[in-house]
Every structure is written in structure tokens, then in C-alpha cells.
Protein backbone atom coordinates (compact mmCIF):
# COMPACT_ATOMS: atom_id res chain seq x y z
CA MET A 1 44.83 58.97 -29.48
CA THR A 2 48.59 60.00 -30.66
CA ALA A 3 48.89 61.68 -33.93
CA ARG A 4 52.18 60.90 -36.04
CA THR A 5 53.73 63.32 -37.91
CA ARG A 6 53.87 62.03 -41.49
CA ARG A 7 55.21 62.84 -44.97
CA PHE A 8 52.70 62.57 -48.30
CA LEU A 9 52.95 63.33 -51.90
CA LEU A 10 50.18 64.98 -53.50
CA CYS A 11 49.63 65.86 -57.18
CA PRO A 12 47.79 69.33 -58.13
CA PRO A 13 44.58 68.81 -60.11
CA THR A 14 45.90 70.85 -62.74
CA TYR A 15 44.55 68.39 -65.70
CA PHE A 16 41.34 67.10 -63.52
CA ASP A 17 38.45 66.42 -65.53
CA VAL A 18 35.86 63.52 -66.19
CA THR A 19 36.34 62.33 -69.68
CA TYR A 20 36.16 58.36 -69.49
CA SER A 21 34.01 56.00 -67.13
CA ILE A 22 36.09 53.68 -65.59
CA ASN A 23 34.02 53.49 -62.47
CA PRO A 24 29.80 53.86 -61.18
CA TRP A 25 30.79 57.45 -60.36
CA MET A 26 32.04 59.00 -62.99
CA GLU A 27 29.81 60.68 -65.58
CA PRO A 28 31.81 62.25 -68.87
CA ALA A 29 28.67 64.23 -69.59
CA LYS A 30 28.74 65.71 -66.16
CA PRO A 31 30.49 69.01 -66.43
CA THR A 32 33.72 69.90 -64.00
CA ASP A 33 34.85 72.81 -62.75
CA GLY A 34 38.39 72.88 -62.66
CA ALA A 35 39.18 76.11 -60.26
CA LEU A 36 36.48 74.42 -57.86
CA ALA A 37 38.47 71.11 -57.70
CA LEU A 38 42.05 73.10 -57.48
CA ALA A 39 40.13 75.13 -54.25
CA GLN A 40 39.24 71.89 -52.59
CA TRP A 41 42.31 70.28 -53.05
CA GLU A 42 44.30 73.61 -51.88
CA ARG A 43 42.33 73.35 -48.58
CA LEU A 44 43.49 69.63 -48.17
CA ARG A 45 47.04 70.51 -48.66
CA SER A 46 46.70 73.20 -46.07
CA LEU A 47 45.13 71.38 -43.76
CA LEU A 48 47.70 68.54 -44.09
CA ILE A 49 50.25 71.48 -43.60
CA GLY A 50 48.52 72.94 -40.67
CA LEU A 51 48.47 69.41 -38.87
CA GLY A 52 52.33 69.51 -39.04
CA HIS A 53 52.82 66.93 -42.07
CA THR A 54 55.38 67.38 -44.78
CA VAL A 55 53.31 67.65 -48.09
CA GLU A 56 55.42 66.99 -51.34
CA LEU A 57 54.09 67.49 -54.53
CA ILE A 58 54.48 65.46 -58.03
CA ASP A 59 53.99 67.39 -61.24
CA PRO A 60 50.84 66.63 -63.32
CA LEU A 61 50.81 65.60 -66.81
CA PRO A 62 48.93 66.66 -69.36
CA GLY A 63 46.19 63.55 -70.87
CA LEU A 64 46.35 62.21 -67.24
CA PRO A 65 43.25 64.00 -65.66
CA ASP A 66 43.15 61.23 -62.72
CA MET A 67 46.80 62.03 -61.81
CA VAL A 68 45.56 64.06 -58.89
CA PHE A 69 44.79 60.88 -56.91
CA ALA A 70 47.90 60.05 -56.15
CA ALA A 71 47.50 57.12 -53.66
CA ASN A 72 46.94 55.56 -56.46
CA GLY A 73 50.38 55.81 -57.89
CA ALA A 74 52.49 53.41 -55.80
CA THR A 75 52.87 51.85 -52.49
CA VAL A 76 55.75 52.93 -49.93
CA VAL A 77 56.79 50.84 -47.03
CA GLY A 78 59.77 50.92 -45.33
CA GLY A 79 61.46 53.08 -47.60
CA ARG A 80 60.92 50.94 -50.54
CA VAL A 81 58.13 51.86 -53.74
CA TYR A 82 56.10 49.09 -55.04
CA SER A 83 55.09 50.71 -58.08
CA ALA A 84 51.72 50.81 -59.33
CA ARG A 85 50.63 48.96 -62.51
CA PHE A 86 47.07 50.51 -63.34
CA ARG A 87 43.98 48.08 -64.74
CA HIS A 88 42.53 50.78 -67.54
CA ALA A 89 44.89 52.08 -70.36
CA GLN A 90 43.38 55.92 -69.48
CA ARG A 91 45.29 55.50 -66.43
CA ALA A 92 48.63 53.38 -67.50
CA ALA A 93 50.89 56.02 -67.70
CA GLU A 94 50.52 57.51 -64.22
CA GLY A 95 52.61 54.35 -62.74
CA PRO A 96 55.68 54.87 -64.76
CA ALA A 97 55.25 58.89 -63.69
CA TYR A 98 55.17 58.10 -59.93
CA ALA A 99 58.22 55.31 -59.93
CA GLU A 100 60.22 58.22 -61.54
CA TRP A 101 59.32 60.83 -59.22
CA PHE A 102 60.50 58.38 -56.42
CA ARG A 103 63.73 57.14 -58.19
CA THR A 104 64.84 60.75 -58.52
CA HIS A 105 64.21 61.20 -54.98
CA GLY A 106 66.38 58.16 -54.10
CA PHE A 107 63.75 55.51 -53.66
CA PRO A 108 64.10 51.94 -54.57
CA VAL A 109 61.57 51.14 -56.84
CA HIS A 110 60.09 47.54 -57.85
CA ASP A 111 58.09 47.59 -60.89
CA ALA A 112 55.14 45.72 -60.53
CA ASP A 113 54.52 42.72 -62.49
CA HIS A 114 51.00 42.38 -61.68
CA VAL A 115 47.96 44.93 -61.69
CA ASN A 116 47.97 46.94 -58.82
CA GLU A 117 46.70 50.29 -57.85
CA GLY A 118 48.83 51.49 -55.17
CA GLU A 119 47.26 52.57 -52.14
CA GLY A 120 43.81 52.54 -53.32
CA ASP A 121 43.86 48.61 -53.01
CA LEU A 122 47.05 48.28 -50.33
CA LEU A 123 46.79 49.80 -47.35
CA ALA A 124 49.60 49.68 -44.32
CA ALA A 125 48.24 49.13 -40.85
CA GLY A 126 51.09 48.32 -38.38
CA ASP A 127 52.87 45.41 -39.39
CA ARG A 128 50.49 44.23 -41.84
CA ILE A 129 48.75 45.47 -45.64
CA LEU A 130 45.14 45.56 -45.88
CA ALA A 131 44.53 44.21 -49.94
CA GLY A 132 42.00 44.56 -51.81
CA THR A 133 40.79 42.44 -54.82
CA GLY A 134 37.81 42.24 -56.91
CA PHE A 135 37.77 45.13 -59.51
CA ARG A 136 41.11 46.68 -59.79
CA THR A 137 44.14 44.78 -58.34
CA ASP A 138 44.91 41.14 -59.19
CA ALA A 139 45.23 38.90 -56.58
CA ARG A 140 48.39 37.95 -57.63
CA ALA A 141 49.86 41.14 -56.70
CA HIS A 142 49.26 40.60 -52.92
CA GLU A 143 52.02 37.67 -52.98
CA GLU A 144 54.17 40.31 -54.90
CA ALA A 145 53.48 43.29 -52.68
CA ALA A 146 54.47 40.67 -49.50
CA ARG A 147 57.70 39.99 -51.06
CA VAL A 148 58.67 43.56 -52.34
CA LEU A 149 57.53 45.03 -49.04
CA ASP A 150 58.30 42.49 -46.53
CA ARG A 151 55.00 42.70 -44.89
CA GLN A 152 52.27 40.31 -44.08
CA VAL A 153 49.48 40.92 -46.42
CA ILE A 154 45.90 40.27 -45.59
CA GLY A 155 43.66 39.91 -48.67
CA LEU A 156 40.21 41.29 -49.04
CA HIS A 157 37.57 40.86 -51.57
CA LEU A 158 35.26 43.59 -52.45
CA VAL A 159 32.10 42.91 -53.89
CA ASP A 160 30.22 46.25 -54.26
CA PRO A 161 31.39 48.28 -57.96
CA ARG A 162 30.76 51.61 -56.31
CA PHE A 163 33.56 50.52 -53.73
CA TYR A 164 36.22 49.95 -56.43
CA HIS A 165 39.05 50.14 -54.63
CA LEU A 166 39.94 49.06 -50.67
CA ASP A 167 40.31 52.63 -49.83
CA THR A 168 36.95 53.67 -50.73
CA ALA A 169 35.39 50.86 -48.13
CA LEU A 170 37.98 50.65 -45.55
CA ALA A 171 40.45 53.13 -43.80
CA VAL A 172 43.10 52.61 -41.55
CA LEU A 173 42.73 55.07 -38.42
CA ASP A 174 46.25 53.89 -36.69
CA ASP A 175 48.28 50.73 -36.45
CA ASP A 176 45.51 48.79 -34.73
CA GLN A 177 42.34 50.09 -35.55
CA ILE A 178 40.14 50.93 -38.93
CA MET A 179 36.91 51.87 -40.01
CA TYR A 180 35.15 49.91 -42.67
CA TYR A 181 31.78 49.32 -44.76
CA PRO A 182 31.01 45.55 -43.91
CA ALA A 183 28.54 45.22 -46.91
CA ALA A 184 31.81 46.24 -49.38
CA PHE A 185 33.39 42.67 -48.51
CA SER A 186 32.17 39.42 -49.18
CA ALA A 187 31.13 37.18 -45.98
CA ARG A 188 34.44 35.50 -45.67
CA SER A 189 36.30 39.01 -45.90
CA GLN A 190 33.91 40.31 -43.37
CA ASP A 191 35.09 37.21 -41.08
CA VAL A 192 38.60 38.23 -41.53
CA LEU A 193 38.18 41.96 -40.46
CA ARG A 194 35.84 41.04 -37.47
CA ARG A 195 38.86 38.74 -36.38
CA LEU A 196 41.59 41.24 -37.06
CA TYR A 197 39.57 44.21 -35.52
CA PRO A 198 36.74 43.25 -33.54
CA ASP A 199 36.44 46.90 -31.96
CA ALA A 200 36.55 48.63 -36.02
CA VAL A 201 34.60 51.93 -36.33
CA LEU A 202 31.62 50.36 -38.46
CA ALA A 203 30.02 52.52 -41.54
CA ASP A 204 26.82 52.79 -42.83
CA GLU A 205 25.74 52.82 -46.48
CA GLN A 206 25.24 56.78 -46.08
CA ASP A 207 28.63 57.07 -44.79
CA ALA A 208 30.28 54.91 -47.74
CA GLU A 209 28.14 56.57 -50.36
CA VAL A 210 29.58 59.80 -49.21
CA PHE A 211 33.08 58.40 -49.42
CA GLY A 212 33.35 58.95 -45.58
CA LEU A 213 35.80 56.21 -45.52
CA ASN A 214 38.15 57.37 -48.18
CA ALA A 215 39.83 59.41 -45.49
CA VAL A 216 43.34 60.62 -44.15
CA SER A 217 44.00 59.37 -40.67
CA ASP A 218 47.68 60.53 -38.51
CA GLY A 219 46.54 58.35 -35.51
CA ARG A 220 44.44 61.40 -34.08
CA ASN A 221 42.98 63.70 -36.81
CA VAL A 222 40.86 62.37 -39.66
CA LEU A 223 40.44 64.20 -42.71
CA LEU A 224 36.92 63.05 -44.28
CA ALA A 225 33.70 63.82 -46.05
CA PRO A 226 31.48 66.43 -43.77
CA GLN A 227 28.78 64.71 -45.04
CA ALA A 228 29.60 61.47 -43.18
CA VAL A 229 27.79 62.83 -40.10
CA HIS A 230 27.70 58.88 -38.46
CA LEU A 231 31.09 58.21 -38.98
CA ALA A 232 32.87 61.58 -37.37
CA ARG A 233 30.23 60.89 -34.56
CA GLU A 234 31.48 57.36 -34.07
CA LEU A 235 35.29 58.68 -34.52
CA SER A 236 34.81 61.79 -31.65
CA ALA A 237 33.66 58.92 -29.31
CA ARG A 238 36.85 56.97 -29.91
CA GLY A 239 39.10 59.85 -29.15
CA PHE A 240 39.72 60.68 -32.49
CA VAL A 241 39.26 64.14 -33.93
CA PRO A 242 37.35 64.77 -37.25
CA ILE A 243 37.67 67.25 -39.66
CA GLY A 244 35.62 67.73 -42.41
CA ILE A 245 37.05 68.10 -45.75
CA ASP A 246 34.96 68.98 -48.99
CA LEU A 247 35.93 67.27 -52.01
CA SER A 248 32.75 67.04 -53.86
CA GLU A 249 34.29 68.13 -57.52
CA LEU A 250 36.72 65.32 -56.99
CA LEU A 251 34.37 62.93 -56.15
CA LYS A 252 32.87 63.51 -59.77
CA ALA A 253 35.84 60.96 -60.63
CA GLY A 254 35.14 58.72 -57.80
CA GLY A 255 37.79 59.91 -55.22
CA SER A 256 38.20 62.08 -52.42
CA ALA A 257 40.87 62.57 -49.31
CA LYS A 258 42.63 59.44 -49.15
CA CYS A 259 42.65 58.91 -53.10
CA CYS A 260 44.60 62.33 -53.13
CA VAL A 261 47.61 61.49 -50.65
CA LEU A 262 49.99 59.17 -50.96
CA GLU A 263 51.84 58.11 -47.72
CA VAL A 264 55.74 58.04 -48.27
CA ARG A 265 56.75 55.73 -45.32
CA GLU A 266 60.62 55.62 -44.52
CA SER A 267 60.24 53.35 -42.04
């Protein structure tokens, strides 16, 4: 397995809190610890930098507690940006904020016509994009993404509300390898995944419930929840290097490592 240096965009959790509920993990009555969320996020940022990756930051905005989940902000492939258009009003302002960051940094941005939640549901894997639908992203956004990003898009239907975004049920490990939790997908989508990735790493329910699949991979090193012990063993057996990263405070809002990391693909 060979690591490839990546460029990532992150957003500090300055205003992180759970003040509303738009997924099964969010419980506004449960207190959050802002200092702990920041410390856990800082460790994630430090790990990425320590692995040799470029990490850039977007300024968080007050009133947007989920802006820390940068992966939802856009999809960037070949230097082109397909902006996010959020389903829920509580997050709607995040899409324009991320689009403005990319415009300011010289990227061409296509403002989405259809609801999509960035890399939450659109995961680049080599020459294709694996695209989730069922809870957040409108299936019509798949065709729009294919046109804007000039990639083949493979639609996958999510059926378990606990795994409301594709990146909570599937992770891209390198151009040709993925890991996923089969039961999060419809029977037809499971068939598609088996055909495309017959040697994929399969997660069990415990792996999925601790957000072990919400992982960041550079092709060799895989940052994932330390509680996903089965996945870590499987990854090691395949030649990957699993690195545990505890983001338990952010998990209170239904996000972990991948949710915090938007990859800026310039080619």
C-alpha cells in the first residue's frame, strides 16, 4: 500500500454544539464539551499534518455548529467544485460559505441545482464517484455531479437512518479498494458493491455503530475510530496502517474523522 500526499480543508469546531436534531445521533438535551471537541479535532489535524498532508482551514461562522463537518461542504474533483446544497435549513448557510472559500482560492465553483451534501454522499474512488441517496442527497444530484465533475457516478441507496450519509457506511481506502457495512445498503446496492469491489473490507454492525467507516485514508494510513477493532485488524491484514483517532465529542452530532475532512483534489 502506498500513501499519497493529499490536500485537505478543515474547519475548527469553535461553535460546535448539538442544538437541534437532524439525525438519530443528535440529542440536544445531552451536554457537549467544547474544549474536548477542540482538543480531539486538533489531534486529527496534527495527525494529518504529521503524515505529510497539506491542511488548510476555513473560518467557522457563528450559528453554524455543524460547520466543523467540512466533508459536507462540497465535492472537489479535478480542480472543479460541486457545491453543497443542504437538505435541512439549519445547515443551509454552510454551502455558500464553503463555495465562497473555494472561489476566493481560485477554484471554479458550480452551484448545485439539486440537494447534495458534499463528500457526505459523494465519494471519489479512482475514476468513479460512489454516490449515496436515501436520506440526504437527492438522486438527481448524481447526474448533476457526473456532468460537473466529469466522472462516472455509481448510485447507492442507503436504508438505515443511523447511516444517513454514505461516508458513515462506506470509506474509500484507495482508488480500487473500499470498506463498507453491507446492511446499510439496499439489496440492489449491495449487489453493485459486490460486483465492483469483490475484495472489499466488510465491516460488522459494531464497526459501523462506532463510526469506524467514517475514516480518512491516504492509500496506506487509515484514521478511524479506535473502537472499530475488527476493522483495524482487517485493515492491518490487508497492508493498511490503522490509526485510532477519538472524536467521541463530535460523534454526538453524528460525525467522526471523515466528516471533518474535505479532500481538495486538483487532479
